[in-house]
Amino acid sequence: MQELFDCNLFGLSWNGTNSGTKPEAHIIEQNAEKLVPDPKMPLENWYDINLDGLSNERSILLCQETNLFYDGKLREHFKTANILCCISVFVISLGIAIITDIKVRTYLTTVLLPVLPVITITLKTIMENRKSLSASSDLKKTVLQLKLSQQDPTMQELRQVQDKIYCSRKDSALVPEWYYKWRRSRLEKAMKANADH
């Protein structure tokens, strides 16, 4: 659905080979019904950035860059939060062992073993987000080259960037919605500042 939205907004052709068939209207409608707007933070403009004076192609490229920036920052923060969570769980469990004067063997079986699944899941999430950030970083380099070029990017080049964005969205680990909502206002401010420069 995000890909369909971007294609319609940017005037890009649908890449069925890359993205499969377009989502049907009833699926979009069902998901729209589930959306509960947040009155404190209404979403008025998906790409809320200044596009004055830019050609259509440069406007699309700036929106794509903004998308990459926003997703990258969200994943960086989420990865850092997971690292802190993992360290905290380990330190708390170690603190409990020291305070209660538990022997090493008892510590391993009664304290560390029960929290091991949390640590394992957290490490897996960190690795998945690191992989997504690496792919995003490579795509940002391509976008920067197009941005620095004297000529406007072609629609074919923009379609290729969009294909990579779609693949990144499809293949990346999900960031929980509650975390996205918690970070949203700060990310939007950073995104606008980045787009203005």
N, C-alpha and C. Protein backbone atom coordinates (compact mmCIF):
# COMPACT_ATOMS: atom_id res chain seq x y z
N MET A 1 0.82 -1.19 0.00
CA MET A 1 0.00 0.00 0.00
C MET A 1 0.87 1.26 0.00
N GLN A 2 1.98 1.21 0.75
CA GLN A 2 2.90 2.35 0.72
C GLN A 2 3.45 2.56 -0.68
N GLU A 3 3.78 1.48 -1.35
CA GLU A 3 4.32 1.56 -2.70
C GLU A 3 3.28 2.14 -3.65
N LEU A 4 2.03 1.73 -3.53
CA LEU A 4 0.97 2.26 -4.38
C LEU A 4 0.78 3.74 -4.13
N PHE A 5 0.81 4.14 -2.86
CA PHE A 5 0.69 5.55 -2.50
C PHE A 5 1.81 6.36 -3.16
N ASP A 6 3.06 5.90 -3.00
CA ASP A 6 4.19 6.63 -3.57
C ASP A 6 4.12 6.67 -5.09
N CYS A 7 3.78 5.56 -5.72
CA CYS A 7 3.68 5.54 -7.19
C CYS A 7 2.63 6.52 -7.68
N ASN A 8 1.48 6.54 -7.03
CA ASN A 8 0.42 7.48 -7.43
C ASN A 8 0.86 8.92 -7.19
N LEU A 9 1.48 9.18 -6.07
CA LEU A 9 1.91 10.54 -5.73
C LEU A 9 3.02 11.03 -6.67
N PHE A 10 3.98 10.16 -6.94
CA PHE A 10 5.13 10.56 -7.75
C PHE A 10 4.88 10.42 -9.26
N GLY A 11 3.80 9.76 -9.63
CA GLY A 11 3.54 9.54 -11.05
C GLY A 11 4.47 8.49 -11.63
N LEU A 12 4.88 7.52 -10.81
CA LEU A 12 5.75 6.44 -11.28
C LEU A 12 4.90 5.26 -11.71
N SER A 13 5.36 4.56 -12.72
CA SER A 13 4.65 3.37 -13.16
C SER A 13 4.80 2.28 -12.10
N TRP A 14 3.83 1.38 -12.04
CA TRP A 14 3.87 0.27 -11.09
C TRP A 14 4.82 -0.80 -11.63
N ASN A 15 5.74 -1.26 -10.79
CA ASN A 15 6.68 -2.31 -11.19
C ASN A 15 6.15 -3.64 -10.65
N GLY A 16 5.35 -4.30 -11.47
CA GLY A 16 4.75 -5.57 -11.05
C GLY A 16 5.77 -6.67 -10.84
N THR A 17 6.88 -6.62 -11.58
CA THR A 17 7.93 -7.63 -11.42
C THR A 17 8.53 -7.53 -10.02
N ASN A 18 8.72 -6.32 -9.55
CA ASN A 18 9.34 -6.08 -8.24
C ASN A 18 8.31 -6.15 -7.10
N SER A 19 7.15 -5.54 -7.31
CA SER A 19 6.19 -5.35 -6.23
C SER A 19 4.98 -6.27 -6.29
N GLY A 20 4.88 -7.08 -7.33
CA GLY A 20 3.71 -7.96 -7.45
C GLY A 20 2.48 -7.19 -7.91
N THR A 21 1.31 -7.74 -7.65
CA THR A 21 0.07 -7.07 -8.07
C THR A 21 -0.27 -5.96 -7.08
N LYS A 22 -0.96 -4.96 -7.58
CA LYS A 22 -1.38 -3.84 -6.73
C LYS A 22 -2.38 -4.34 -5.69
N PRO A 23 -2.34 -3.77 -4.48
CA PRO A 23 -3.35 -4.17 -3.49
C PRO A 23 -4.74 -3.75 -3.96
N GLU A 24 -5.71 -4.61 -3.72
CA GLU A 24 -7.09 -4.33 -4.16
C GLU A 24 -7.70 -3.25 -3.27
N ALA A 25 -8.66 -2.53 -3.84
CA ALA A 25 -9.29 -1.40 -3.14
C ALA A 25 -9.92 -1.82 -1.81
N HIS A 26 -10.54 -3.01 -1.76
CA HIS A 26 -11.20 -3.43 -0.52
C HIS A 26 -10.18 -3.68 0.60
N ILE A 27 -8.96 -4.11 0.25
CA ILE A 27 -7.91 -4.32 1.27
C ILE A 27 -7.47 -2.97 1.83
N ILE A 28 -7.34 -1.99 0.95
CA ILE A 28 -6.96 -0.63 1.39
C ILE A 28 -8.05 -0.08 2.31
N GLU A 29 -9.30 -0.27 1.91
CA GLU A 29 -10.42 0.23 2.71
C GLU A 29 -10.49 -0.45 4.08
N GLN A 30 -10.28 -1.77 4.12
CA GLN A 30 -10.30 -2.49 5.40
C GLN A 30 -9.21 -1.97 6.34
N ASN A 31 -8.03 -1.72 5.80
CA ASN A 31 -6.94 -1.20 6.63
C ASN A 31 -7.19 0.24 7.05
N ALA A 32 -7.81 1.02 6.19
CA ALA A 32 -8.14 2.42 6.53
C ALA A 32 -9.13 2.47 7.69
N GLU A 33 -10.04 1.51 7.73
CA GLU A 33 -11.03 1.46 8.81
C GLU A 33 -10.36 1.17 10.16
N LYS A 34 -9.24 0.44 10.15
CA LYS A 34 -8.53 0.12 11.38
C LYS A 34 -7.73 1.29 11.92
N LEU A 35 -7.45 2.27 11.06
CA LEU A 35 -6.64 3.41 11.46
C LEU A 35 -7.40 4.29 12.43
N VAL A 36 -6.79 4.55 13.57
CA VAL A 36 -7.37 5.45 14.55
C VAL A 36 -6.50 6.71 14.57
N PRO A 37 -7.01 7.81 14.02
CA PRO A 37 -6.20 9.03 13.99
C PRO A 37 -5.87 9.53 15.39
N ASP A 38 -4.69 10.09 15.52
CA ASP A 38 -4.24 10.66 16.79
C ASP A 38 -4.51 12.16 16.75
N PRO A 39 -5.51 12.65 17.52
CA PRO A 39 -5.84 14.08 17.45
C PRO A 39 -4.69 14.98 17.92
N LYS A 40 -3.80 14.45 18.73
CA LYS A 40 -2.66 15.25 19.21
C LYS A 40 -1.62 15.44 18.10
N MET A 41 -1.54 14.46 17.20
CA MET A 41 -0.55 14.51 16.12
C MET A 41 -1.19 14.10 14.80
N PRO A 42 -2.06 14.96 14.26
CA PRO A 42 -2.70 14.57 13.00
C PRO A 42 -1.69 14.48 11.87
N LEU A 43 -1.94 13.55 10.97
CA LEU A 43 -1.08 13.39 9.79
C LEU A 43 -1.76 14.13 8.65
N GLU A 44 -1.26 15.33 8.37
CA GLU A 44 -1.87 16.18 7.36
C GLU A 44 -1.18 16.06 6.01
N ASN A 45 0.11 15.77 6.02
CA ASN A 45 0.86 15.72 4.78
C ASN A 45 1.98 14.71 4.97
N TRP A 46 1.94 13.62 4.22
CA TRP A 46 2.92 12.55 4.40
C TRP A 46 4.34 13.05 4.20
N TYR A 47 4.55 13.82 3.14
CA TYR A 47 5.86 14.41 2.88
C TYR A 47 5.75 15.91 3.17
N ASP A 48 5.82 16.23 4.45
CA ASP A 48 5.64 17.61 4.90
C ASP A 48 6.96 18.37 4.82
N ILE A 49 7.39 18.63 3.58
CA ILE A 49 8.66 19.32 3.35
C ILE A 49 8.45 20.39 2.29
N ASN A 50 9.34 21.35 2.25
CA ASN A 50 9.25 22.45 1.31
C ASN A 50 9.80 22.03 -0.06
N LEU A 51 8.95 22.05 -1.08
CA LEU A 51 9.36 21.64 -2.42
C LEU A 51 9.34 22.83 -3.40
N ASP A 52 9.20 24.05 -2.87
CA ASP A 52 9.13 25.23 -3.73
C ASP A 52 10.37 25.37 -4.60
N GLY A 53 10.14 25.65 -5.87
CA GLY A 53 11.23 25.91 -6.79
C GLY A 53 11.92 24.67 -7.33
N LEU A 54 11.48 23.50 -6.94
CA LEU A 54 12.11 22.27 -7.42
C LEU A 54 11.33 21.71 -8.61
N SER A 55 12.05 21.10 -9.53
CA SER A 55 11.38 20.42 -10.63
C SER A 55 10.63 19.21 -10.07
N ASN A 56 9.75 18.65 -10.87
CA ASN A 56 9.01 17.47 -10.45
C ASN A 56 9.96 16.34 -10.05
N GLU A 57 10.99 16.12 -10.86
CA GLU A 57 11.94 15.03 -10.61
C GLU A 57 12.72 15.26 -9.32
N ARG A 58 13.17 16.49 -9.10
CA ARG A 58 13.91 16.80 -7.87
C ARG A 58 13.00 16.74 -6.64
N SER A 59 11.74 17.08 -6.82
CA SER A 59 10.76 16.97 -5.72
C SER A 59 10.59 15.50 -5.32
N ILE A 60 10.46 14.63 -6.32
CA ILE A 60 10.32 13.19 -6.06
C ILE A 60 11.57 12.68 -5.34
N LEU A 61 12.74 13.08 -5.85
CA LEU A 61 14.00 12.63 -5.24
C LEU A 61 14.11 13.08 -3.79
N LEU A 62 13.68 14.33 -3.50
CA LEU A 62 13.73 14.83 -2.12
C LEU A 62 12.77 14.04 -1.23
N CYS A 63 11.60 13.69 -1.77
CA CYS A 63 10.66 12.87 -0.99
C CYS A 63 11.25 11.49 -0.72
N GLN A 64 11.91 10.91 -1.72
CA GLN A 64 12.54 9.61 -1.52
C GLN A 64 13.67 9.70 -0.51
N GLU A 65 14.45 10.77 -0.59
CA GLU A 65 15.54 10.97 0.38
C GLU A 65 14.97 11.12 1.79
N THR A 66 13.87 11.86 1.89
CA THR A 66 13.21 12.06 3.18
C THR A 66 12.72 10.73 3.75
N ASN A 67 12.17 9.90 2.88
CA ASN A 67 11.70 8.58 3.29
C ASN A 67 12.86 7.76 3.86
N LEU A 68 13.99 7.77 3.16
CA LEU A 68 15.17 7.03 3.62
C LEU A 68 15.70 7.59 4.93
N PHE A 69 15.74 8.91 5.04
CA PHE A 69 16.22 9.55 6.26
C PHE A 69 15.36 9.15 7.45
N TYR A 70 14.04 9.27 7.29
CA TYR A 70 13.10 8.98 8.37
C TYR A 70 13.21 7.52 8.82
N ASP A 71 13.19 6.62 7.84
CA ASP A 71 13.28 5.19 8.15
C ASP A 71 14.62 4.86 8.81
N GLY A 72 15.70 5.45 8.28
CA GLY A 72 17.03 5.19 8.84
C GLY A 72 17.15 5.66 10.28
N LYS A 73 16.67 6.88 10.54
CA LYS A 73 16.74 7.42 11.91
C LYS A 73 15.89 6.59 12.87
N LEU A 74 14.70 6.20 12.41
CA LEU A 74 13.83 5.38 13.27
C LEU A 74 14.53 4.07 13.62
N ARG A 75 15.14 3.44 12.63
CA ARG A 75 15.83 2.17 12.87
C ARG A 75 17.08 2.34 13.73
N GLU A 76 17.81 3.42 13.54
CA GLU A 76 18.98 3.69 14.39
C GLU A 76 18.57 3.81 15.85
N HIS A 77 17.51 4.59 16.08
CA HIS A 77 17.04 4.78 17.46
C HIS A 77 16.52 3.46 18.05
N PHE A 78 15.80 2.69 17.23
CA PHE A 78 15.25 1.42 17.70
C PHE A 78 16.38 0.43 18.01
N LYS A 79 17.40 0.41 17.16
CA LYS A 79 18.55 -0.47 17.38
C LYS A 79 19.25 -0.08 18.69
N THR A 80 19.46 1.22 18.91
CA THR A 80 20.09 1.69 20.14
C THR A 80 19.25 1.33 21.36
N ALA A 81 17.93 1.49 21.24
CA ALA A 81 17.05 1.14 22.36
C ALA A 81 17.14 -0.35 22.67
N ASN A 82 17.26 -1.18 21.64
CA ASN A 82 17.40 -2.62 21.85
C ASN A 82 18.73 -2.97 22.49
N ILE A 83 19.79 -2.29 22.10
CA ILE A 83 21.10 -2.52 22.71
C ILE A 83 21.04 -2.17 24.19
N LEU A 84 20.44 -1.00 24.50
CA LEU A 84 20.31 -0.59 25.90
C LEU A 84 19.44 -1.57 26.69
N CYS A 85 18.40 -2.07 26.07
CA CYS A 85 17.53 -3.06 26.72
C CYS A 85 18.31 -4.33 27.04
N CYS A 86 19.07 -4.79 26.07
CA CYS A 86 19.86 -6.01 26.25
C CYS A 86 20.88 -5.85 27.38
N ILE A 87 21.58 -4.73 27.37
CA ILE A 87 22.58 -4.46 28.41
C ILE A 87 21.90 -4.35 29.77
N SER A 88 20.74 -3.65 29.80
CA SER A 88 20.01 -3.47 31.07
C SER A 88 19.57 -4.80 31.66
N VAL A 89 19.03 -5.68 30.81
CA VAL A 89 18.58 -7.00 31.30
C VAL A 89 19.76 -7.76 31.88
N PHE A 90 20.90 -7.72 31.19
CA PHE A 90 22.07 -8.44 31.68
C PHE A 90 22.58 -7.83 32.98
N VAL A 91 22.67 -6.50 33.05
CA VAL A 91 23.18 -5.83 34.24
C VAL A 91 22.25 -6.05 35.43
N ILE A 92 20.94 -5.98 35.19
CA ILE A 92 19.98 -6.21 36.28
C ILE A 92 20.10 -7.63 36.80
N SER A 93 20.18 -8.59 35.87
CA SER A 93 20.31 -9.98 36.32
C SER A 93 21.62 -10.20 37.08
N LEU A 94 22.68 -9.57 36.63
CA LEU A 94 23.97 -9.68 37.32
C LEU A 94 23.90 -9.00 38.69
N GLY A 95 23.22 -7.85 38.73
CA GLY A 95 23.04 -7.14 40.01
C GLY A 95 22.27 -7.98 41.02
N ILE A 96 21.23 -8.65 40.54
CA ILE A 96 20.46 -9.54 41.42
C ILE A 96 21.35 -10.65 41.96
N ALA A 97 22.19 -11.20 41.09
CA ALA A 97 23.09 -12.28 41.51
C ALA A 97 24.08 -11.80 42.56
N ILE A 98 24.62 -10.61 42.38
CA ILE A 98 25.61 -10.07 43.33
C ILE A 98 24.95 -9.75 44.66
N ILE A 99 23.78 -9.11 44.61
CA ILE A 99 23.08 -8.72 45.85
C ILE A 99 22.68 -9.95 46.66
N THR A 100 22.21 -10.97 45.98
CA THR A 100 21.74 -12.16 46.69
C THR A 100 22.85 -13.19 46.90
N ASP A 101 24.05 -12.83 46.48
CA ASP A 101 25.24 -13.68 46.66
C ASP A 101 25.02 -15.09 46.08
N ILE A 102 24.53 -15.11 44.85
CA ILE A 102 24.28 -16.38 44.16
C ILE A 102 25.58 -16.89 43.56
N LYS A 103 25.79 -18.17 43.64
CA LYS A 103 26.96 -18.79 43.04
C LYS A 103 26.80 -18.80 41.52
N VAL A 104 27.91 -18.91 40.80
CA VAL A 104 27.91 -18.82 39.34
C VAL A 104 26.96 -19.84 38.71
N ARG A 105 27.03 -21.06 39.14
CA ARG A 105 26.17 -22.10 38.55
C ARG A 105 24.70 -21.79 38.79
N THR A 106 24.36 -21.36 39.98
CA THR A 106 22.98 -21.00 40.30
C THR A 106 22.54 -19.79 39.48
N TYR A 107 23.46 -18.82 39.36
CA TYR A 107 23.18 -17.61 38.56
C TYR A 107 22.82 -18.00 37.12
N LEU A 108 23.62 -18.89 36.54
CA LEU A 108 23.40 -19.29 35.16
C LEU A 108 22.06 -19.98 34.98
N THR A 109 21.69 -20.86 35.92
CA THR A 109 20.46 -21.65 35.76
C THR A 109 19.20 -20.94 36.23
N THR A 110 19.31 -20.10 37.26
CA THR A 110 18.08 -19.50 37.81
C THR A 110 17.86 -18.04 37.41
N VAL A 111 18.93 -17.34 37.01
CA VAL A 111 18.77 -15.92 36.66
C VAL A 111 19.00 -15.69 35.16
N LEU A 112 20.16 -16.09 34.68
CA LEU A 112 20.51 -15.80 33.28
C LEU A 112 19.71 -16.64 32.29
N LEU A 113 19.52 -17.90 32.57
CA LEU A 113 18.79 -18.78 31.65
C LEU A 113 17.36 -18.28 31.38
N PRO A 114 16.61 -17.86 32.40
CA PRO A 114 15.25 -17.36 32.13
C PRO A 114 15.21 -16.08 31.28
N VAL A 115 16.25 -15.24 31.38
CA VAL A 115 16.24 -14.00 30.59
C VAL A 115 16.96 -14.17 29.25
N LEU A 116 17.53 -15.33 29.02
CA LEU A 116 18.25 -15.59 27.77
C LEU A 116 17.37 -15.41 26.52
N PRO A 117 16.10 -15.85 26.53
CA PRO A 117 15.26 -15.62 25.34
C PRO A 117 15.08 -14.12 25.03
N VAL A 118 14.94 -13.31 26.06
CA VAL A 118 14.81 -11.85 25.86
C VAL A 118 16.08 -11.31 25.22
N ILE A 119 17.22 -11.73 25.74
CA ILE A 119 18.50 -11.28 25.19
C ILE A 119 18.66 -11.77 23.74
N THR A 120 18.28 -13.01 23.47
CA THR A 120 18.40 -13.58 22.12
C THR A 120 17.53 -12.82 21.12
N ILE A 121 16.27 -12.58 21.48
CA ILE A 121 15.35 -11.85 20.60
C ILE A 121 15.85 -10.43 20.37
N THR A 122 16.36 -9.81 21.42
CA THR A 122 16.87 -8.45 21.30
C THR A 122 18.09 -8.41 20.37
N LEU A 123 18.99 -9.37 20.51
CA LEU A 123 20.17 -9.42 19.63
C LEU A 123 19.76 -9.68 18.18
N LYS A 124 18.75 -10.52 17.97
CA LYS A 124 18.25 -10.78 16.61
C LYS A 124 17.68 -9.50 16.01
N THR A 125 16.93 -8.76 16.79
CA THR A 125 16.35 -7.49 16.32
C THR A 125 17.44 -6.50 15.97
N ILE A 126 18.48 -6.44 16.79
CA ILE A 126 19.61 -5.54 16.53
C ILE A 126 20.27 -5.90 15.20
N MET A 127 20.52 -7.19 14.98
CA MET A 127 21.17 -7.63 13.74
C MET A 127 20.31 -7.35 12.51
N GLU A 128 19.01 -7.58 12.61
CA GLU A 128 18.11 -7.32 11.49
C GLU A 128 18.09 -5.83 11.14
N ASN A 129 18.05 -4.98 12.17
CA ASN A 129 18.03 -3.54 11.92
C ASN A 129 19.38 -3.06 11.39
N ARG A 130 20.46 -3.67 11.82
CA ARG A 130 21.78 -3.31 11.30
C ARG A 130 21.84 -3.62 9.80
N LYS A 131 21.29 -4.76 9.40
CA LYS A 131 21.26 -5.14 7.98
C LYS A 131 20.43 -4.14 7.18
N SER A 132 19.27 -3.75 7.70
CA SER A 132 18.41 -2.78 7.02
C SER A 132 19.11 -1.43 6.89
N LEU A 133 19.80 -1.02 7.95
CA LEU A 133 20.51 0.26 7.93
C LEU A 133 21.64 0.25 6.91
N SER A 134 22.30 -0.88 6.76
CA SER A 134 23.38 -1.00 5.79
C SER A 134 22.85 -0.84 4.36
N ALA A 135 21.74 -1.51 4.05
CA ALA A 135 21.13 -1.40 2.72
C ALA A 135 20.65 0.03 2.48
N SER A 136 20.07 0.64 3.50
CA SER A 136 19.59 2.02 3.39
C SER A 136 20.75 2.98 3.15
N SER A 137 21.86 2.75 3.80
CA SER A 137 23.05 3.60 3.64
C SER A 137 23.56 3.56 2.21
N ASP A 138 23.57 2.37 1.61
CA ASP A 138 23.99 2.24 0.21
C ASP A 138 23.06 3.02 -0.72
N LEU A 139 21.75 2.93 -0.46
CA LEU A 139 20.78 3.63 -1.29
C LEU A 139 20.91 5.14 -1.11
N LYS A 140 21.20 5.59 0.09
CA LYS A 140 21.39 7.03 0.34
C LYS A 140 22.54 7.58 -0.51
N LYS A 141 23.58 6.79 -0.70
CA LYS A 141 24.71 7.21 -1.55
C LYS A 141 24.26 7.43 -2.99
N THR A 142 23.42 6.52 -3.48
CA THR A 142 22.89 6.66 -4.83
C THR A 142 22.04 7.91 -4.95
N VAL A 143 21.18 8.14 -3.96
CA VAL A 143 20.32 9.33 -3.95
C VAL A 143 21.17 10.60 -3.91
N LEU A 144 22.23 10.59 -3.11
CA LEU A 144 23.11 11.76 -3.01
C LEU A 144 23.78 12.05 -4.35
N GLN A 145 24.22 11.01 -5.06
CA GLN A 145 24.82 11.21 -6.38
C GLN A 145 23.82 11.84 -7.34
N LEU A 146 22.58 11.37 -7.32
CA LEU A 146 21.55 11.95 -8.17
C LEU A 146 21.26 13.40 -7.77
N LYS A 147 21.28 13.65 -6.49
CA LYS A 147 20.99 14.99 -5.97
C LYS A 147 22.08 15.99 -6.36
N LEU A 148 23.33 15.54 -6.33
CA LEU A 148 24.46 16.43 -6.64
C LEU A 148 24.67 16.62 -8.15
N SER A 149 24.02 15.81 -8.95
CA SER A 149 24.16 15.92 -10.41
C SER A 149 23.58 17.26 -10.89
N GLN A 150 24.18 17.80 -11.91
CA GLN A 150 23.68 19.06 -12.50
C GLN A 150 22.34 18.85 -13.20
N GLN A 151 22.13 17.64 -13.71
CA GLN A 151 20.90 17.34 -14.42
C GLN A 151 19.87 16.74 -13.47
N ASP A 152 18.61 16.99 -13.77
CA ASP A 152 17.55 16.35 -13.00
C ASP A 152 17.61 14.84 -13.22
N PRO A 153 17.27 14.07 -12.21
CA PRO A 153 17.23 12.61 -12.41
C PRO A 153 16.12 12.26 -13.39
N THR A 154 16.30 11.18 -14.10
CA THR A 154 15.25 10.72 -15.01
C THR A 154 14.20 9.95 -14.22
N MET A 155 13.03 9.80 -14.81
CA MET A 155 11.98 9.03 -14.14
C MET A 155 12.40 7.56 -14.00
N GLN A 156 13.23 7.09 -14.93
CA GLN A 156 13.73 5.71 -14.83
C GLN A 156 14.65 5.57 -13.61
N GLU A 157 15.51 6.56 -13.37
CA GLU A 157 16.38 6.52 -12.19
C GLU A 157 15.56 6.60 -10.91
N LEU A 158 14.53 7.44 -10.92
CA LEU A 158 13.66 7.56 -9.74
C LEU A 158 12.89 6.26 -9.51
N ARG A 159 12.50 5.59 -10.60
CA ARG A 159 11.81 4.30 -10.47
C ARG A 159 12.75 3.27 -9.85
N GLN A 160 14.04 3.31 -10.22
CA GLN A 160 15.02 2.38 -9.65
C GLN A 160 15.22 2.64 -8.15
N VAL A 161 15.27 3.91 -7.77
CA VAL A 161 15.38 4.26 -6.34
C VAL A 161 14.14 3.75 -5.61
N GLN A 162 12.97 3.96 -6.22
CA GLN A 162 11.72 3.51 -5.58
C GLN A 162 11.68 2.00 -5.44
N ASP A 163 12.22 1.28 -6.43
CA ASP A 163 12.29 -0.18 -6.32
C ASP A 163 13.11 -0.60 -5.11
N LYS A 164 14.23 0.08 -4.89
CA LYS A 164 15.09 -0.23 -3.74
C LYS A 164 14.38 0.11 -2.43
N ILE A 165 13.65 1.23 -2.42
CA ILE A 165 12.89 1.60 -1.22
C ILE A 165 11.84 0.53 -0.92
N TYR A 166 11.16 0.06 -1.96
CA TYR A 166 10.16 -0.98 -1.76
C TYR A 166 10.79 -2.25 -1.19
N CYS A 167 11.92 -2.66 -1.77
CA CYS A 167 12.59 -3.87 -1.29
C CYS A 167 13.03 -3.70 0.17
N SER A 168 13.49 -2.52 0.51
CA SER A 168 13.89 -2.25 1.89
C SER A 168 12.70 -2.37 2.83
N ARG A 169 11.58 -1.80 2.43
CA ARG A 169 10.36 -1.88 3.24
C ARG A 169 9.92 -3.34 3.42
N LYS A 170 9.98 -4.07 2.33
CA LYS A 170 9.50 -5.46 2.33
C LYS A 170 10.40 -6.37 3.15
N ASP A 171 11.71 -6.17 3.04
CA ASP A 171 12.66 -7.09 3.65
C ASP A 171 13.10 -6.72 5.06
N SER A 172 12.85 -5.49 5.47
CA SER A 172 13.33 -5.03 6.77
C SER A 172 12.45 -5.53 7.91
N ALA A 173 13.10 -5.68 9.05
CA ALA A 173 12.36 -6.05 10.26
C ALA A 173 11.41 -4.90 10.63
N LEU A 174 10.27 -5.26 11.15
CA LEU A 174 9.30 -4.22 11.53
C LEU A 174 9.70 -3.54 12.82
N VAL A 175 9.42 -2.24 12.88
CA VAL A 175 9.59 -1.48 14.11
C VAL A 175 8.19 -1.38 14.73
N PRO A 176 8.03 -1.72 16.00
CA PRO A 176 6.69 -1.69 16.61
C PRO A 176 6.04 -0.32 16.48
N GLU A 177 4.73 -0.34 16.27
CA GLU A 177 4.00 0.91 16.08
C GLU A 177 4.09 1.83 17.30
N TRP A 178 4.07 1.24 18.51
CA TRP A 178 4.15 2.08 19.70
C TRP A 178 5.48 2.83 19.73
N TYR A 179 6.56 2.20 19.26
CA TYR A 179 7.86 2.86 19.25
C TYR A 179 7.88 3.98 18.21
N TYR A 180 7.29 3.69 17.04
CA TYR A 180 7.18 4.70 15.99
C TYR A 180 6.42 5.92 16.52
N LYS A 181 5.28 5.71 17.18
CA LYS A 181 4.48 6.82 17.70
C LYS A 181 5.26 7.62 18.74
N TRP A 182 6.02 6.91 19.57
CA TRP A 182 6.79 7.56 20.62
C TRP A 182 7.88 8.47 20.03
N ARG A 183 8.49 8.04 18.93
CA ARG A 183 9.58 8.80 18.31
C ARG A 183 9.11 9.79 17.25
N ARG A 184 7.87 9.70 16.83
CA ARG A 184 7.38 10.40 15.64
C ARG A 184 7.65 11.90 15.63
N SER A 185 7.28 12.63 16.66
CA SER A 185 7.41 14.09 16.61
C SER A 185 8.87 14.51 16.48
N ARG A 186 9.77 13.85 17.20
CA ARG A 186 11.19 14.20 17.10
C ARG A 186 11.76 13.85 15.73
N LEU A 187 11.32 12.72 15.19
CA LEU A 187 11.79 12.31 13.87
C LEU A 187 11.31 13.27 12.79
N GLU A 188 10.06 13.73 12.91
CA GLU A 188 9.53 14.65 11.90
C GLU A 188 10.29 15.98 11.92
N LYS A 189 10.65 16.46 13.11
CA LYS A 189 11.44 17.69 13.19
C LYS A 189 12.80 17.50 12.54
N ALA A 190 13.45 16.39 12.83
CA ALA A 190 14.76 16.10 12.25
C ALA A 190 14.65 15.94 10.74
N MET A 191 13.58 15.28 10.28
CA MET A 191 13.37 15.07 8.86
C MET A 191 13.21 16.39 8.13
N LYS A 192 12.42 17.31 8.67
CA LYS A 192 12.21 18.60 8.04
C LYS A 192 13.51 19.40 8.00
N ALA A 193 14.25 19.36 9.08
CA ALA A 193 15.54 20.07 9.11
C ALA A 193 16.48 19.52 8.06
N ASN A 194 16.52 18.20 7.92
CA ASN A 194 17.38 17.56 6.92
C ASN A 194 16.94 17.94 5.50
N ALA A 195 15.64 17.94 5.25
CA ALA A 195 15.12 18.25 3.92
C ALA A 195 15.39 19.70 3.55
N ASP A 196 15.40 20.61 4.53
CA ASP A 196 15.65 22.03 4.27
C ASP A 196 17.09 22.30 3.89
N HIS A 197 17.99 21.38 4.22
CA HIS A 197 19.40 21.58 3.90
C HIS A 197 19.72 20.77 2.70
